[in-house]
Amino acid sequence: MKFEKITRFFRDVRSEMKCVSWPTKTDLKEGTLVVIIMSAIVAIFLSLVDFGFTKIVELIF
């Protein structure tokens, strides 16, 4: 019984994977580049905010 369910599960997975619309290499590269750039921008922004709050706290205490 369990073996049949496992077999059916993997058969269904294979069937669904054939229906997936996979990105092209160009789309994948562009998406990856956007994620890397946005991650860098957010990291720089958060570093600046952290630095600013640290200076404010140092002035108070």
PDB file of N, CA and C in Angstrom:
ATOM      1  N   MET A   1       0.827  -1.202   0.000  1.00  0.00           N
ATOM      2  CA  MET A   1       0.000   0.000   0.000  1.00  0.00           C
ATOM      3  C   MET A   1       0.869   1.262   0.000  1.00  0.00           C
ATOM      4  N   LYS A   2       1.828   1.338   0.935  1.00  0.00           N
ATOM      5  CA  LYS A   2       2.679   2.524   0.984  1.00  0.00           C
ATOM      6  C   LYS A   2       3.541   2.630  -0.265  1.00  0.00           C
ATOM      7  N   PHE A   3       4.030   1.486  -0.743  1.00  0.00           N
ATOM      8  CA  PHE A   3       4.870   1.495  -1.936  1.00  0.00           C
ATOM      9  C   PHE A   3       4.102   2.029  -3.137  1.00  0.00           C
ATOM     10  N   GLU A   4       2.834   1.684  -3.240  1.00  0.00           N
ATOM     11  CA  GLU A   4       2.003   2.176  -4.342  1.00  0.00           C
ATOM     12  C   GLU A   4       1.816   3.687  -4.257  1.00  0.00           C
ATOM     13  N   LYS A   5       1.645   4.198  -3.034  1.00  0.00           N
ATOM     14  CA  LYS A   5       1.486   5.647  -2.859  1.00  0.00           C
ATOM     15  C   LYS A   5       2.768   6.374  -3.230  1.00  0.00           C
ATOM     16  N   ILE A   6       3.900   5.810  -2.829  1.00  0.00           N
ATOM     17  CA  ILE A   6       5.188   6.428  -3.156  1.00  0.00           C
ATOM     18  C   ILE A   6       5.402   6.416  -4.664  1.00  0.00           C
ATOM     19  N   THR A   7       5.098   5.302  -5.292  1.00  0.00           N
ATOM     20  CA  THR A   7       5.243   5.193  -6.744  1.00  0.00           C
ATOM     21  C   THR A   7       4.341   6.192  -7.452  1.00  0.00           C
ATOM     22  N   ARG A   8       3.102   6.310  -7.008  1.00  0.00           N
ATOM     23  CA  ARG A   8       2.170   7.257  -7.616  1.00  0.00           C
ATOM     24  C   ARG A   8       2.661   8.691  -7.414  1.00  0.00           C
ATOM     25  N   PHE A   9       3.186   8.976  -6.225  1.00  0.00           N
ATOM     26  CA  PHE A   9       3.693  10.316  -5.943  1.00  0.00           C
ATOM     27  C   PHE A   9       4.788  10.694  -6.945  1.00  0.00           C
ATOM     28  N   PHE A  10       5.771   9.816  -7.124  1.00  0.00           N
ATOM     29  CA  PHE A  10       6.862  10.133  -8.038  1.00  0.00           C
ATOM     30  C   PHE A  10       6.395  10.187  -9.491  1.00  0.00           C
ATOM     31  N   ARG A  11       5.418   9.402  -9.843  1.00  0.00           N
ATOM     32  CA  ARG A  11       4.849   9.464 -11.190  1.00  0.00           C
ATOM     33  C   ARG A  11       4.165  10.818 -11.398  1.00  0.00           C
ATOM     34  N   ASP A  12       3.415  11.265 -10.381  1.00  0.00           N
ATOM     35  CA  ASP A  12       2.748  12.567 -10.463  1.00  0.00           C
ATOM     36  C   ASP A  12       3.765  13.706 -10.522  1.00  0.00           C
ATOM     37  N   VAL A  13       4.837  13.574  -9.747  1.00  0.00           N
ATOM     38  CA  VAL A  13       5.884  14.600  -9.769  1.00  0.00           C
ATOM     39  C   VAL A  13       6.488  14.691 -11.162  1.00  0.00           C
ATOM     40  N   ARG A  14       6.811  13.561 -11.745  1.00  0.00           N
ATOM     41  CA  ARG A  14       7.390  13.551 -13.094  1.00  0.00           C
ATOM     42  C   ARG A  14       6.430  14.197 -14.093  1.00  0.00           C
ATOM     43  N   SER A  15       5.159  13.887 -13.971  1.00  0.00           N
ATOM     44  CA  SER A  15       4.151  14.450 -14.867  1.00  0.00           C
ATOM     45  C   SER A  15       4.068  15.968 -14.714  1.00  0.00           C
ATOM     46  N   GLU A  16       4.069  16.444 -13.479  1.00  0.00           N
ATOM     47  CA  GLU A  16       3.991  17.889 -13.238  1.00  0.00           C
ATOM     48  C   GLU A  16       5.251  18.609 -13.711  1.00  0.00           C
ATOM     49  N   MET A  17       6.408  17.977 -13.544  1.00  0.00           N
ATOM     50  CA  MET A  17       7.662  18.608 -13.965  1.00  0.00           C
ATOM     51  C   MET A  17       7.694  18.827 -15.476  1.00  0.00           C
ATOM     52  N   LYS A  18       6.994  17.989 -16.220  1.00  0.00           N
ATOM     53  CA  LYS A  18       6.924  18.171 -17.670  1.00  0.00           C
ATOM     54  C   LYS A  18       6.069  19.385 -18.035  1.00  0.00           C
ATOM     55  N   CYS A  19       5.169  19.779 -17.144  1.00  0.00           N
ATOM     56  CA  CYS A  19       4.283  20.917 -17.403  1.00  0.00           C
ATOM     57  C   CYS A  19       4.903  22.256 -16.999  1.00  0.00           C
ATOM     58  N   VAL A  20       6.012  22.203 -16.286  1.00  0.00           N
ATOM     59  CA  VAL A  20       6.638  23.428 -15.787  1.00  0.00           C
ATOM     60  C   VAL A  20       7.239  24.209 -16.945  1.00  0.00           C
ATOM     61  N   SER A  21       7.049  25.516 -16.904  1.00  0.00           N
ATOM     62  CA  SER A  21       7.652  26.394 -17.901  1.00  0.00           C
ATOM     63  C   SER A  21       8.992  26.879 -17.342  1.00  0.00           C
ATOM     64  N   TRP A  22      10.078  26.267 -17.797  1.00  0.00           N
ATOM     65  CA  TRP A  22      11.392  26.580 -17.268  1.00  0.00           C
ATOM     66  C   TRP A  22      11.937  27.853 -17.925  1.00  0.00           C
ATOM     67  N   PRO A  23      12.675  28.679 -17.166  1.00  0.00           N
ATOM     68  CA  PRO A  23      13.237  29.907 -17.743  1.00  0.00           C
ATOM     69  C   PRO A  23      14.377  29.584 -18.705  1.00  0.00           C
ATOM     70  N   THR A  24      14.569  30.493 -19.655  1.00  0.00           N
ATOM     71  CA  THR A  24      15.694  30.339 -20.575  1.00  0.00           C
ATOM     72  C   THR A  24      16.974  30.729 -19.840  1.00  0.00           C
ATOM     73  N   LYS A  25      18.116  30.422 -20.457  1.00  0.00           N
ATOM     74  CA  LYS A  25      19.397  30.781 -19.835  1.00  0.00           C
ATOM     75  C   LYS A  25      19.490  32.289 -19.640  1.00  0.00           C
ATOM     76  N   THR A  26      19.032  33.039 -20.627  1.00  0.00           N
ATOM     77  CA  THR A  26      19.078  34.501 -20.539  1.00  0.00           C
ATOM     78  C   THR A  26      18.223  34.999 -19.382  1.00  0.00           C
ATOM     79  N   ASP A  27      17.003  34.479 -19.267  1.00  0.00           N
ATOM     80  CA  ASP A  27      16.126  34.881 -18.166  1.00  0.00           C
ATOM     81  C   ASP A  27      16.749  34.529 -16.822  1.00  0.00           C
ATOM     82  N   LEU A  28      17.358  33.364 -16.750  1.00  0.00           N
ATOM     83  CA  LEU A  28      17.979  32.915 -15.508  1.00  0.00           C
ATOM     84  C   LEU A  28      19.149  33.814 -15.125  1.00  0.00           C
ATOM     85  N   LYS A  29      19.982  34.162 -16.108  1.00  0.00           N
ATOM     86  CA  LYS A  29      21.122  35.044 -15.841  1.00  0.00           C
ATOM     87  C   LYS A  29      20.647  36.426 -15.400  1.00  0.00           C
ATOM     88  N   GLU A  30      19.642  36.964 -16.089  1.00  0.00           N
ATOM     89  CA  GLU A  30      19.122  38.288 -15.737  1.00  0.00           C
ATOM     90  C   GLU A  30      18.512  38.281 -14.341  1.00  0.00           C
ATOM     91  N   GLY A  31      17.745  37.254 -14.035  1.00  0.00           N
ATOM     92  CA  GLY A  31      17.135  37.154 -12.710  1.00  0.00           C
ATOM     93  C   GLY A  31      18.176  37.041 -11.613  1.00  0.00           C
ATOM     94  N   THR A  32      19.210  36.246 -11.872  1.00  0.00           N
ATOM     95  CA  THR A  32      20.287  36.087 -10.897  1.00  0.00           C
ATOM     96  C   THR A  32      21.014  37.408 -10.685  1.00  0.00           C
ATOM     97  N   LEU A  33      21.270  38.127 -11.761  1.00  0.00           N
ATOM     98  CA  LEU A  33      21.954  39.414 -11.662  1.00  0.00           C
ATOM     99  C   LEU A  33      21.123  40.410 -10.858  1.00  0.00           C
ATOM    100  N   VAL A  34      19.823  40.439 -11.086  1.00  0.00           N
ATOM    101  CA  VAL A  34      18.936  41.331 -10.330  1.00  0.00           C
ATOM    102  C   VAL A  34      18.993  40.996  -8.844  1.00  0.00           C
ATOM    103  N   VAL A  35      18.959  39.716  -8.511  1.00  0.00           N
ATOM    104  CA  VAL A  35      19.003  39.309  -7.103  1.00  0.00           C
ATOM    105  C   VAL A  35      20.326  39.711  -6.464  1.00  0.00           C
ATOM    106  N   ILE A  36      21.436  39.508  -7.162  1.00  0.00           N
ATOM    107  CA  ILE A  36      22.748  39.864  -6.616  1.00  0.00           C
ATOM    108  C   ILE A  36      22.850  41.368  -6.402  1.00  0.00           C
ATOM    109  N   ILE A  37      22.419  42.153  -7.380  1.00  0.00           N
ATOM    110  CA  ILE A  37      22.493  43.615  -7.264  1.00  0.00           C
ATOM    111  C   ILE A  37      21.598  44.115  -6.137  1.00  0.00           C
ATOM    112  N   MET A  38      20.369  43.620  -6.072  1.00  0.00           N
ATOM    113  CA  MET A  38      19.457  44.059  -5.008  1.00  0.00           C
ATOM    114  C   MET A  38      19.974  43.648  -3.631  1.00  0.00           C
ATOM    115  N   SER A  39      20.571  42.473  -3.531  1.00  0.00           N
ATOM    116  CA  SER A  39      21.143  42.032  -2.256  1.00  0.00           C
ATOM    117  C   SER A  39      22.268  42.963  -1.826  1.00  0.00           C
ATOM    118  N   ALA A  40      23.102  43.367  -2.768  1.00  0.00           N
ATOM    119  CA  ALA A  40      24.194  44.284  -2.458  1.00  0.00           C
ATOM    120  C   ALA A  40      23.650  45.645  -2.024  1.00  0.00           C
ATOM    121  N   ILE A  41      22.641  46.147  -2.722  1.00  0.00           N
ATOM    122  CA  ILE A  41      22.046  47.441  -2.366  1.00  0.00           C
ATOM    123  C   ILE A  41      21.440  47.391  -0.971  1.00  0.00           C
ATOM    124  N   VAL A  42      20.696  46.338  -0.672  1.00  0.00           N
ATOM    125  CA  VAL A  42      20.077  46.205   0.653  1.00  0.00           C
ATOM    126  C   VAL A  42      21.154  46.071   1.724  1.00  0.00           C
ATOM    127  N   ALA A  43      22.221  45.316   1.448  1.00  0.00           N
ATOM    128  CA  ALA A  43      23.308  45.156   2.414  1.00  0.00           C
ATOM    129  C   ALA A  43      23.979  46.493   2.707  1.00  0.00           C
ATOM    130  N   ILE A  44      24.229  47.283   1.677  1.00  0.00           N
ATOM    131  CA  ILE A  44      24.845  48.601   1.868  1.00  0.00           C
ATOM    132  C   ILE A  44      23.907  49.509   2.654  1.00  0.00           C
ATOM    133  N   PHE A  45      22.637  49.516   2.291  1.00  0.00           N
ATOM    134  CA  PHE A  45      21.658  50.348   2.996  1.00  0.00           C
ATOM    135  C   PHE A  45      21.590  49.979   4.475  1.00  0.00           C
ATOM    136  N   LEU A  46      21.480  48.694   4.772  1.00  0.00           N
ATOM    137  CA  LEU A  46      21.391  48.264   6.169  1.00  0.00           C
ATOM    138  C   LEU A  46      22.675  48.569   6.935  1.00  0.00           C
ATOM    139  N   SER A  47      23.814  48.465   6.267  1.00  0.00           N
ATOM    140  CA  SER A  47      25.083  48.815   6.910  1.00  0.00           C
ATOM    141  C   SER A  47      25.117  50.294   7.270  1.00  0.00           C
ATOM    142  N   LEU A  48      24.642  51.138   6.362  1.00  0.00           N
ATOM    143  CA  LEU A  48      24.610  52.575   6.633  1.00  0.00           C
ATOM    144  C   LEU A  48      23.637  52.911   7.762  1.00  0.00           C
ATOM    145  N   VAL A  49      22.483  52.285   7.765  1.00  0.00           N
ATOM    146  CA  VAL A  49      21.509  52.502   8.839  1.00  0.00           C
ATOM    147  C   VAL A  49      22.092  52.051  10.173  1.00  0.00           C
ATOM    148  N   ASP A  50      22.735  50.893  10.191  1.00  0.00           N
ATOM    149  CA  ASP A  50      23.354  50.381  11.411  1.00  0.00           C
ATOM    150  C   ASP A  50      24.445  51.329  11.895  1.00  0.00           C
ATOM    151  N   PHE A  51      25.265  51.804  10.979  1.00  0.00           N
ATOM    152  CA  PHE A  51      26.326  52.746  11.338  1.00  0.00           C
ATOM    153  C   PHE A  51      25.728  54.021  11.933  1.00  0.00           C
ATOM    154  N   GLY A  52      24.665  54.522  11.301  1.00  0.00           N
ATOM    155  CA  GLY A  52      24.012  55.731  11.800  1.00  0.00           C
ATOM    156  C   GLY A  52      23.430  55.540  13.188  1.00  0.00           C
ATOM    157  N   PHE A  53      22.720  54.445  13.406  1.00  0.00           N
ATOM    158  CA  PHE A  53      22.152  54.186  14.729  1.00  0.00           C
ATOM    159  C   PHE A  53      23.244  53.999  15.772  1.00  0.00           C
ATOM    160  N   THR A  54      24.348  53.370  15.386  1.00  0.00           N
ATOM    161  CA  THR A  54      25.465  53.191  16.318  1.00  0.00           C
ATOM    162  C   THR A  54      26.012  54.545  16.745  1.00  0.00           C
ATOM    163  N   LYS A  55      26.185  55.456  15.814  1.00  0.00           N
ATOM    164  CA  LYS A  55      26.695  56.798  16.142  1.00  0.00           C
ATOM    165  C   LYS A  55      25.708  57.551  17.028  1.00  0.00           C
ATOM    166  N   ILE A  56      24.419  57.425  16.755  1.00  0.00           N
ATOM    167  CA  ILE A  56      23.403  58.090  17.583  1.00  0.00           C
ATOM    168  C   ILE A  56      23.445  57.550  19.007  1.00  0.00           C
ATOM    169  N   VAL A  57      23.533  56.239  19.158  1.00  0.00           N
ATOM    170  CA  VAL A  57      23.591  55.630  20.493  1.00  0.00           C
ATOM    171  C   VAL A  57      24.865  56.054  21.212  1.00  0.00           C
ATOM    172  N   GLU A  58      25.982  56.141  20.497  1.00  0.00           N
ATOM    173  CA  GLU A  58      27.238  56.581  21.116  1.00  0.00           C
ATOM    174  C   GLU A  58      27.128  58.022  21.601  1.00  0.00           C
ATOM    175  N   LEU A  59      26.416  58.870  20.872  1.00  0.00           N
ATOM    176  CA  LEU A  59      26.233  60.259  21.297  1.00  0.00           C
ATOM    177  C   LEU A  59      25.363  60.346  22.551  1.00  0.00           C
ATOM    178  N   ILE A  60      24.357  59.491  22.642  1.00  0.00           N
ATOM    179  CA  ILE A  60      23.442  59.513  23.786  1.00  0.00           C
ATOM    180  C   ILE A  60      24.134  58.975  25.026  1.00  0.00           C
ATOM    181  N   PHE A  61      24.861  57.876  24.884  1.00  0.00           N
ATOM    182  CA  PHE A  61      25.505  57.259  26.042  1.00  0.00           C
ATOM    183  C   PHE A  61      26.953  57.584  25.997  1.00  0.00           C
TER     184      PHE A  61
END
